[in-house]
Protein backbone atom coordinates (compact mmCIF):
# COMPACT_ATOMS: atom_id res chain seq x y z
CA UNK A 1 0.00 0.00 0.00
CA UNK A 2 3.00 2.31 0.54
CA UNK A 3 4.42 2.00 -2.95
CA UNK A 4 4.89 -0.18 -5.95
CA UNK A 5 7.86 -2.51 -6.02
CA UNK A 6 7.91 -2.94 -9.77
CA UNK A 7 9.93 -0.56 -11.92
CA UNK A 8 7.95 2.11 -13.73
CA UNK A 9 9.33 3.40 -17.02
CA UNK A 10 9.58 7.16 -17.09
CA UNK A 11 10.97 7.47 -20.59
CA UNK A 12 7.82 9.25 -21.70
CA UNK A 13 8.65 12.15 -19.33
CA UNK A 14 12.07 12.60 -20.93
CA UNK A 15 10.48 12.51 -24.37
CA UNK A 16 7.94 15.11 -23.34
CA UNK A 17 10.74 17.56 -22.50
CA UNK A 18 12.20 17.23 -25.97
CA UNK A 19 8.90 17.30 -27.88
CA UNK A 20 8.31 20.36 -30.03
CA UNK A 21 4.99 20.98 -31.65
CA UNK A 22 4.72 22.18 -35.21
CA UNK A 23 1.39 23.86 -34.47
CA UNK A 24 1.71 27.57 -33.74
CA UNK A 25 -0.63 29.09 -31.16
CA UNK A 26 -3.18 31.57 -32.45
CA UNK A 27 -2.13 35.23 -32.38
CA UNK A 28 -3.16 37.24 -29.34
CA UNK A 29 -6.14 39.51 -29.67
CA UNK A 30 -5.36 43.20 -29.65
CA UNK A 31 -6.98 45.19 -26.87
CA UNK A 32 -9.79 47.47 -27.95
CA UNK A 33 -9.70 51.22 -27.43
CA UNK A 34 -12.08 50.90 -24.48
CA UNK A 35 -9.88 48.32 -22.79
CA UNK A 36 -6.78 50.47 -23.26
CA UNK A 37 -8.60 53.52 -21.89
CA UNK A 38 -9.78 51.48 -18.90
CA UNK A 39 -6.27 50.27 -18.14
CA UNK A 40 -4.90 53.81 -18.32
CA UNK A 41 -7.71 55.09 -16.10
CA UNK A 42 -7.10 52.37 -13.53
CA UNK A 43 -3.37 53.06 -13.49
CA UNK A 44 -3.93 56.79 -13.19
CA UNK A 45 -6.37 56.25 -10.32
CA UNK A 46 -3.89 54.07 -8.45
CA UNK A 47 -1.04 56.55 -8.92
CA UNK A 48 -3.27 59.46 -7.87
CA UNK A 49 -4.30 57.55 -4.74
CA UNK A 50 -0.70 56.88 -3.79
CA UNK A 51 0.34 60.48 -4.39
CA UNK A 52 -2.67 61.75 -2.46
CA UNK A 53 -1.95 59.54 0.52
CA UNK A 54 1.65 60.71 0.47
CA UNK A 55 0.63 64.38 0.33
CA UNK A 56 -1.93 64.01 3.12
CA UNK A 57 0.18 61.69 5.25
CA UNK A 58 3.46 63.58 5.18
CA UNK A 59 2.33 66.44 7.48
CA UNK A 60 0.82 63.96 9.91
CA UNK A 61 4.13 62.09 10.21
CA UNK A 62 6.13 65.29 10.65
CA UNK A 63 7.95 65.57 14.00
CA UNK A 64 8.73 69.29 13.70
CA UNK A 65 7.17 71.29 16.55
CA UNK A 66 4.36 73.59 15.58
CA UNK A 67 4.29 77.26 16.62
CA UNK A 68 0.88 77.03 18.34
CA UNK A 69 0.33 76.29 21.99
CA UNK A 70 -1.64 73.31 23.21
CA UNK A 71 -5.32 73.58 24.03
CA UNK A 72 -4.74 73.04 27.75
CA UNK A 73 -2.37 76.00 28.17
CA UNK A 74 -4.82 78.30 26.37
CA UNK A 75 -7.60 77.26 28.73
CA UNK A 76 -5.51 78.11 31.81
CA UNK A 77 -4.55 81.50 30.38
CA UNK A 78 -8.19 82.47 29.98
CA UNK A 79 -9.03 82.12 33.71
C-alpha atoms as a PDB file:
ATOM      1  CA  UNK A   1       0.000   0.000   0.000  1.00  0.00           C
ATOM      2  CA  UNK A   2       3.002   2.308   0.540  1.00  0.00           C
ATOM      3  CA  UNK A   3       4.417   2.000  -2.949  1.00  0.00           C
ATOM      4  CA  UNK A   4       4.886  -0.184  -5.949  1.00  0.00           C
ATOM      5  CA  UNK A   5       7.862  -2.506  -6.018  1.00  0.00           C
ATOM      6  CA  UNK A   6       7.910  -2.945  -9.765  1.00  0.00           C
ATOM      7  CA  UNK A   7       9.929  -0.556 -11.923  1.00  0.00           C
ATOM      8  CA  UNK A   8       7.952   2.108 -13.729  1.00  0.00           C
ATOM      9  CA  UNK A   9       9.331   3.396 -17.021  1.00  0.00           C
ATOM     10  CA  UNK A  10       9.581   7.164 -17.094  1.00  0.00           C
ATOM     11  CA  UNK A  11      10.967   7.467 -20.593  1.00  0.00           C
ATOM     12  CA  UNK A  12       7.817   9.251 -21.702  1.00  0.00           C
ATOM     13  CA  UNK A  13       8.651  12.148 -19.335  1.00  0.00           C
ATOM     14  CA  UNK A  14      12.065  12.597 -20.928  1.00  0.00           C
ATOM     15  CA  UNK A  15      10.484  12.511 -24.368  1.00  0.00           C
ATOM     16  CA  UNK A  16       7.943  15.115 -23.336  1.00  0.00           C
ATOM     17  CA  UNK A  17      10.735  17.562 -22.497  1.00  0.00           C
ATOM     18  CA  UNK A  18      12.196  17.233 -25.968  1.00  0.00           C
ATOM     19  CA  UNK A  19       8.898  17.296 -27.877  1.00  0.00           C
ATOM     20  CA  UNK A  20       8.309  20.359 -30.034  1.00  0.00           C
ATOM     21  CA  UNK A  21       4.987  20.981 -31.646  1.00  0.00           C
ATOM     22  CA  UNK A  22       4.719  22.178 -35.211  1.00  0.00           C
ATOM     23  CA  UNK A  23       1.387  23.855 -34.466  1.00  0.00           C
ATOM     24  CA  UNK A  24       1.706  27.574 -33.739  1.00  0.00           C
ATOM     25  CA  UNK A  25      -0.629  29.091 -31.160  1.00  0.00           C
ATOM     26  CA  UNK A  26      -3.180  31.570 -32.454  1.00  0.00           C
ATOM     27  CA  UNK A  27      -2.128  35.227 -32.382  1.00  0.00           C
ATOM     28  CA  UNK A  28      -3.165  37.237 -29.343  1.00  0.00           C
ATOM     29  CA  UNK A  29      -6.142  39.514 -29.673  1.00  0.00           C
ATOM     30  CA  UNK A  30      -5.358  43.204 -29.647  1.00  0.00           C
ATOM     31  CA  UNK A  31      -6.977  45.189 -26.875  1.00  0.00           C
ATOM     32  CA  UNK A  32      -9.788  47.465 -27.946  1.00  0.00           C
ATOM     33  CA  UNK A  33      -9.698  51.216 -27.427  1.00  0.00           C
ATOM     34  CA  UNK A  34     -12.082  50.900 -24.482  1.00  0.00           C
ATOM     35  CA  UNK A  35      -9.880  48.317 -22.786  1.00  0.00           C
ATOM     36  CA  UNK A  36      -6.782  50.465 -23.265  1.00  0.00           C
ATOM     37  CA  UNK A  37      -8.601  53.517 -21.886  1.00  0.00           C
ATOM     38  CA  UNK A  38      -9.783  51.478 -18.905  1.00  0.00           C
ATOM     39  CA  UNK A  39      -6.269  50.267 -18.143  1.00  0.00           C
ATOM     40  CA  UNK A  40      -4.903  53.811 -18.320  1.00  0.00           C
ATOM     41  CA  UNK A  41      -7.708  55.093 -16.100  1.00  0.00           C
ATOM     42  CA  UNK A  42      -7.102  52.368 -13.533  1.00  0.00           C
ATOM     43  CA  UNK A  43      -3.373  53.057 -13.491  1.00  0.00           C
ATOM     44  CA  UNK A  44      -3.932  56.789 -13.195  1.00  0.00           C
ATOM     45  CA  UNK A  45      -6.368  56.254 -10.319  1.00  0.00           C
ATOM     46  CA  UNK A  46      -3.887  54.066  -8.451  1.00  0.00           C
ATOM     47  CA  UNK A  47      -1.043  56.551  -8.919  1.00  0.00           C
ATOM     48  CA  UNK A  48      -3.267  59.463  -7.868  1.00  0.00           C
ATOM     49  CA  UNK A  49      -4.295  57.554  -4.743  1.00  0.00           C
ATOM     50  CA  UNK A  50      -0.698  56.876  -3.791  1.00  0.00           C
ATOM     51  CA  UNK A  51       0.345  60.480  -4.387  1.00  0.00           C
ATOM     52  CA  UNK A  52      -2.670  61.750  -2.461  1.00  0.00           C
ATOM     53  CA  UNK A  53      -1.946  59.541   0.515  1.00  0.00           C
ATOM     54  CA  UNK A  54       1.654  60.714   0.471  1.00  0.00           C
ATOM     55  CA  UNK A  55       0.627  64.376   0.325  1.00  0.00           C
ATOM     56  CA  UNK A  56      -1.934  64.005   3.122  1.00  0.00           C
ATOM     57  CA  UNK A  57       0.178  61.685   5.248  1.00  0.00           C
ATOM     58  CA  UNK A  58       3.456  63.585   5.184  1.00  0.00           C
ATOM     59  CA  UNK A  59       2.327  66.443   7.479  1.00  0.00           C
ATOM     60  CA  UNK A  60       0.816  63.958   9.913  1.00  0.00           C
ATOM     61  CA  UNK A  61       4.132  62.093  10.213  1.00  0.00           C
ATOM     62  CA  UNK A  62       6.133  65.287  10.653  1.00  0.00           C
ATOM     63  CA  UNK A  63       7.949  65.569  13.999  1.00  0.00           C
ATOM     64  CA  UNK A  64       8.726  69.290  13.700  1.00  0.00           C
ATOM     65  CA  UNK A  65       7.170  71.294  16.552  1.00  0.00           C
ATOM     66  CA  UNK A  66       4.355  73.592  15.580  1.00  0.00           C
ATOM     67  CA  UNK A  67       4.288  77.258  16.616  1.00  0.00           C
ATOM     68  CA  UNK A  68       0.884  77.026  18.336  1.00  0.00           C
ATOM     69  CA  UNK A  69       0.326  76.291  21.990  1.00  0.00           C
ATOM     70  CA  UNK A  70      -1.637  73.311  23.207  1.00  0.00           C
ATOM     71  CA  UNK A  71      -5.320  73.585  24.034  1.00  0.00           C
ATOM     72  CA  UNK A  72      -4.740  73.038  27.750  1.00  0.00           C
ATOM     73  CA  UNK A  73      -2.374  76.001  28.169  1.00  0.00           C
ATOM     74  CA  UNK A  74      -4.823  78.300  26.373  1.00  0.00           C
ATOM     75  CA  UNK A  75      -7.599  77.260  28.728  1.00  0.00           C
ATOM     76  CA  UNK A  76      -5.511  78.107  31.815  1.00  0.00           C
ATOM     77  CA  UNK A  77      -4.546  81.503  30.378  1.00  0.00           C
ATOM     78  CA  UNK A  78      -8.195  82.468  29.982  1.00  0.00           C
ATOM     79  CA  UNK A  79      -9.035  82.121  33.711  1.00  0.00           C
END
